[in-house]
Amino acid sequence: MPAVTLTETDITPFATIEATKLAAMIEDILAMAVSVAPCIAEDNFAHDKAARAILRGAVLRWHAADSGAITQQAAGPFVPPRV
């Protein structure tokens, strides 16, 4: 079993998401995470709790974006370069 896992019980204290949708979201998040950080799939990964917290946050932000709770996003101040 990989060191980093994410389950429905990791998400349900924070949001109510239909079980089938949540399972798909978790599957997608884990697949994307392993594609950019394959080390999280190793049994001896040392930071499993921190990685799970990051992945939980990603699922919750994704859910909030789908719900319409996030209405505006900004990347920060942009100052064009001087020419």
N, C-alpha and C. Protein backbone atom coordinates (compact mmCIF):
# COMPACT_ATOMS: atom_id res chain seq x y z
N MET A 1 0.85 -1.19 0.00
CA MET A 1 0.00 0.00 0.00
C MET A 1 0.89 1.24 0.00
N PRO A 2 0.60 2.22 -0.85
CA PRO A 2 1.41 3.43 -0.88
C PRO A 2 1.30 4.19 0.44
N ALA A 3 2.33 4.96 0.75
CA ALA A 3 2.34 5.72 1.99
C ALA A 3 1.25 6.78 2.01
N VAL A 4 1.00 7.43 0.89
CA VAL A 4 0.02 8.51 0.84
C VAL A 4 -1.30 7.98 0.29
N THR A 5 -2.31 8.06 1.12
CA THR A 5 -3.65 7.66 0.70
C THR A 5 -4.61 8.78 1.07
N LEU A 6 -5.74 8.78 0.43
CA LEU A 6 -6.78 9.75 0.72
C LEU A 6 -8.09 9.00 0.62
N THR A 7 -8.92 9.13 1.64
CA THR A 7 -10.20 8.41 1.66
C THR A 7 -11.35 9.37 1.90
N GLU A 8 -12.54 8.84 1.77
CA GLU A 8 -13.74 9.64 2.01
C GLU A 8 -13.74 10.21 3.42
N THR A 9 -13.26 9.45 4.38
CA THR A 9 -13.26 9.93 5.77
C THR A 9 -12.28 11.08 5.99
N ASP A 10 -11.32 11.25 5.09
CA ASP A 10 -10.42 12.41 5.17
C ASP A 10 -11.12 13.69 4.72
N ILE A 11 -12.16 13.56 3.92
CA ILE A 11 -12.83 14.72 3.32
C ILE A 11 -14.13 15.08 4.03
N THR A 12 -14.90 14.09 4.44
CA THR A 12 -16.25 14.34 4.95
C THR A 12 -16.35 15.27 6.16
N PRO A 13 -15.34 15.40 7.03
CA PRO A 13 -15.49 16.39 8.10
C PRO A 13 -15.51 17.83 7.58
N PHE A 14 -15.06 18.03 6.35
CA PHE A 14 -14.92 19.38 5.82
C PHE A 14 -15.96 19.75 4.77
N ALA A 15 -16.52 18.76 4.09
CA ALA A 15 -17.48 19.04 3.02
C ALA A 15 -18.37 17.83 2.78
N THR A 16 -19.56 18.10 2.31
CA THR A 16 -20.47 17.04 1.92
C THR A 16 -20.42 16.92 0.40
N ILE A 17 -19.86 15.81 -0.06
CA ILE A 17 -19.73 15.57 -1.50
C ILE A 17 -20.31 14.19 -1.76
N GLU A 18 -21.15 14.09 -2.78
CA GLU A 18 -21.76 12.81 -3.14
C GLU A 18 -20.67 11.75 -3.31
N ALA A 19 -20.91 10.55 -2.79
CA ALA A 19 -19.89 9.50 -2.68
C ALA A 19 -19.24 9.13 -4.01
N THR A 20 -20.02 9.00 -5.06
CA THR A 20 -19.45 8.62 -6.36
C THR A 20 -18.55 9.74 -6.89
N LYS A 21 -19.01 10.97 -6.76
CA LYS A 21 -18.20 12.11 -7.20
C LYS A 21 -16.92 12.21 -6.38
N LEU A 22 -17.03 12.04 -5.06
CA LEU A 22 -15.86 12.12 -4.19
C LEU A 22 -14.85 11.04 -4.53
N ALA A 23 -15.31 9.83 -4.79
CA ALA A 23 -14.40 8.74 -5.15
C ALA A 23 -13.65 9.08 -6.43
N ALA A 24 -14.34 9.64 -7.40
CA ALA A 24 -13.69 10.03 -8.65
C ALA A 24 -12.70 11.16 -8.44
N MET A 25 -13.07 12.13 -7.60
CA MET A 25 -12.17 13.24 -7.31
C MET A 25 -10.89 12.75 -6.63
N ILE A 26 -11.05 11.85 -5.66
CA ILE A 26 -9.88 11.30 -4.96
C ILE A 26 -9.00 10.52 -5.92
N GLU A 27 -9.60 9.71 -6.76
CA GLU A 27 -8.83 8.94 -7.75
C GLU A 27 -8.05 9.88 -8.67
N ASP A 28 -8.69 10.93 -9.14
CA ASP A 28 -8.04 11.89 -10.03
C ASP A 28 -6.91 12.64 -9.33
N ILE A 29 -7.17 13.10 -8.11
CA ILE A 29 -6.16 13.86 -7.36
C ILE A 29 -4.93 13.00 -7.10
N LEU A 30 -5.14 11.75 -6.68
CA LEU A 30 -4.01 10.86 -6.42
C LEU A 30 -3.22 10.57 -7.70
N ALA A 31 -3.93 10.35 -8.80
CA ALA A 31 -3.24 10.09 -10.07
C ALA A 31 -2.41 11.28 -10.51
N MET A 32 -2.96 12.49 -10.39
CA MET A 32 -2.21 13.68 -10.77
C MET A 32 -1.01 13.88 -9.84
N ALA A 33 -1.20 13.65 -8.56
CA ALA A 33 -0.12 13.84 -7.60
C ALA A 33 1.03 12.87 -7.86
N VAL A 34 0.72 11.62 -8.12
CA VAL A 34 1.76 10.62 -8.38
C VAL A 34 2.48 10.93 -9.69
N SER A 35 1.79 11.54 -10.64
CA SER A 35 2.44 11.84 -11.92
C SER A 35 3.50 12.93 -11.77
N VAL A 36 3.35 13.83 -10.81
CA VAL A 36 4.34 14.89 -10.62
C VAL A 36 5.27 14.61 -9.44
N ALA A 37 4.86 13.74 -8.53
CA ALA A 37 5.70 13.39 -7.37
C ALA A 37 5.60 11.90 -7.12
N PRO A 38 6.25 11.08 -7.96
CA PRO A 38 6.14 9.63 -7.83
C PRO A 38 6.59 9.10 -6.47
N CYS A 39 7.38 9.87 -5.76
CA CYS A 39 7.86 9.42 -4.45
C CYS A 39 6.73 9.20 -3.46
N ILE A 40 5.59 9.85 -3.64
CA ILE A 40 4.50 9.68 -2.68
C ILE A 40 3.86 8.29 -2.78
N ALA A 41 4.16 7.56 -3.83
CA ALA A 41 3.63 6.21 -3.98
C ALA A 41 4.53 5.16 -3.34
N GLU A 42 5.69 5.58 -2.86
CA GLU A 42 6.62 4.63 -2.25
C GLU A 42 6.24 4.36 -0.80
N ASP A 43 6.40 3.10 -0.38
CA ASP A 43 6.04 2.70 0.98
C ASP A 43 6.82 3.47 2.05
N ASN A 44 8.03 3.88 1.75
CA ASN A 44 8.86 4.53 2.75
C ASN A 44 8.84 6.05 2.67
N PHE A 45 7.85 6.63 2.01
CA PHE A 45 7.74 8.09 1.91
C PHE A 45 7.56 8.66 3.32
N ALA A 46 8.39 9.61 3.68
CA ALA A 46 8.45 10.09 5.07
C ALA A 46 7.42 11.17 5.43
N HIS A 47 6.80 11.79 4.45
CA HIS A 47 5.93 12.94 4.74
C HIS A 47 4.48 12.67 4.33
N ASP A 48 4.00 11.49 4.66
CA ASP A 48 2.66 11.09 4.22
C ASP A 48 1.56 11.98 4.77
N LYS A 49 1.67 12.42 6.01
CA LYS A 49 0.60 13.25 6.59
C LYS A 49 0.56 14.63 5.94
N ALA A 50 1.70 15.19 5.66
CA ALA A 50 1.74 16.49 4.99
C ALA A 50 1.19 16.38 3.57
N ALA A 51 1.58 15.32 2.86
CA ALA A 51 1.08 15.12 1.49
C ALA A 51 -0.44 14.92 1.51
N ARG A 52 -0.95 14.16 2.47
CA ARG A 52 -2.40 13.94 2.56
C ARG A 52 -3.11 15.27 2.81
N ALA A 53 -2.54 16.13 3.64
CA ALA A 53 -3.15 17.44 3.91
C ALA A 53 -3.19 18.29 2.64
N ILE A 54 -2.13 18.26 1.86
CA ILE A 54 -2.09 19.01 0.59
C ILE A 54 -3.14 18.48 -0.37
N LEU A 55 -3.24 17.16 -0.47
CA LEU A 55 -4.22 16.56 -1.39
C LEU A 55 -5.65 16.83 -0.91
N ARG A 56 -5.87 16.78 0.40
CA ARG A 56 -7.20 17.10 0.94
C ARG A 56 -7.58 18.53 0.57
N GLY A 57 -6.64 19.44 0.72
CA GLY A 57 -6.90 20.84 0.35
C GLY A 57 -7.23 20.99 -1.12
N ALA A 58 -6.55 20.21 -1.97
CA ALA A 58 -6.83 20.28 -3.40
C ALA A 58 -8.25 19.81 -3.71
N VAL A 59 -8.67 18.73 -3.07
CA VAL A 59 -10.04 18.23 -3.28
C VAL A 59 -11.05 19.27 -2.80
N LEU A 60 -10.80 19.86 -1.64
CA LEU A 60 -11.74 20.84 -1.10
C LEU A 60 -11.82 22.10 -1.96
N ARG A 61 -10.68 22.56 -2.48
CA ARG A 61 -10.70 23.73 -3.38
C ARG A 61 -11.44 23.39 -4.67
N TRP A 62 -11.22 22.20 -5.20
CA TRP A 62 -11.90 21.75 -6.41
C TRP A 62 -13.40 21.73 -6.17
N HIS A 63 -13.80 21.19 -5.04
CA HIS A 63 -15.23 21.14 -4.70
C HIS A 63 -15.81 22.55 -4.55
N ALA A 64 -15.07 23.42 -3.88
CA ALA A 64 -15.56 24.80 -3.69
C ALA A 64 -15.69 25.52 -5.02
N ALA A 65 -14.77 25.28 -5.93
CA ALA A 65 -14.84 25.91 -7.25
C ALA A 65 -16.06 25.41 -8.02
N ASP A 66 -16.37 24.13 -7.90
CA ASP A 66 -17.54 23.57 -8.58
C ASP A 66 -18.85 24.07 -7.98
N SER A 67 -18.82 24.43 -6.69
CA SER A 67 -20.05 24.83 -6.02
C SER A 67 -20.44 26.27 -6.30
N GLY A 68 -19.52 27.03 -6.87
CA GLY A 68 -19.78 28.44 -7.09
C GLY A 68 -19.36 29.30 -5.91
N ALA A 69 -18.78 28.67 -4.87
CA ALA A 69 -18.34 29.42 -3.70
C ALA A 69 -17.19 30.36 -4.04
N ILE A 70 -16.35 29.96 -4.98
CA ILE A 70 -15.27 30.83 -5.42
C ILE A 70 -15.76 31.59 -6.64
N THR A 71 -15.84 32.89 -6.50
CA THR A 71 -16.37 33.69 -7.61
C THR A 71 -15.31 34.50 -8.31
N GLN A 72 -14.15 34.66 -7.68
CA GLN A 72 -13.10 35.45 -8.29
C GLN A 72 -11.76 34.93 -7.82
N GLN A 73 -10.81 34.85 -8.74
CA GLN A 73 -9.46 34.46 -8.38
C GLN A 73 -8.51 35.49 -8.97
N ALA A 74 -7.48 35.80 -8.23
CA ALA A 74 -6.48 36.75 -8.71
C ALA A 74 -5.10 36.16 -8.50
N ALA A 75 -4.22 36.46 -9.42
CA ALA A 75 -2.87 35.96 -9.33
C ALA A 75 -1.95 36.91 -8.60
N GLY A 76 -2.42 38.06 -8.25
CA GLY A 76 -1.59 39.03 -7.56
C GLY A 76 -1.31 40.24 -8.43
N PRO A 77 -0.59 41.19 -7.88
CA PRO A 77 -0.33 42.40 -8.65
C PRO A 77 0.57 42.11 -9.84
N PHE A 78 0.26 42.72 -10.92
CA PHE A 78 1.09 42.58 -12.12
C PHE A 78 1.60 43.95 -12.50
N VAL A 79 2.91 44.05 -12.58
CA VAL A 79 3.53 45.30 -12.98
C VAL A 79 4.28 45.02 -14.27
N PRO A 80 3.89 45.67 -15.36
CA PRO A 80 4.56 45.43 -16.62
C PRO A 80 6.02 45.89 -16.54
N PRO A 81 6.90 45.22 -17.23
CA PRO A 81 8.31 45.64 -17.20
C PRO A 81 8.49 47.00 -17.84
N ARG A 82 9.47 47.74 -17.32
CA ARG A 82 9.78 49.04 -17.91
C ARG A 82 10.61 48.84 -19.17
N VAL A 83 10.29 49.60 -20.15
CA VAL A 83 11.01 49.48 -21.43
C VAL A 83 11.96 50.62 -21.60
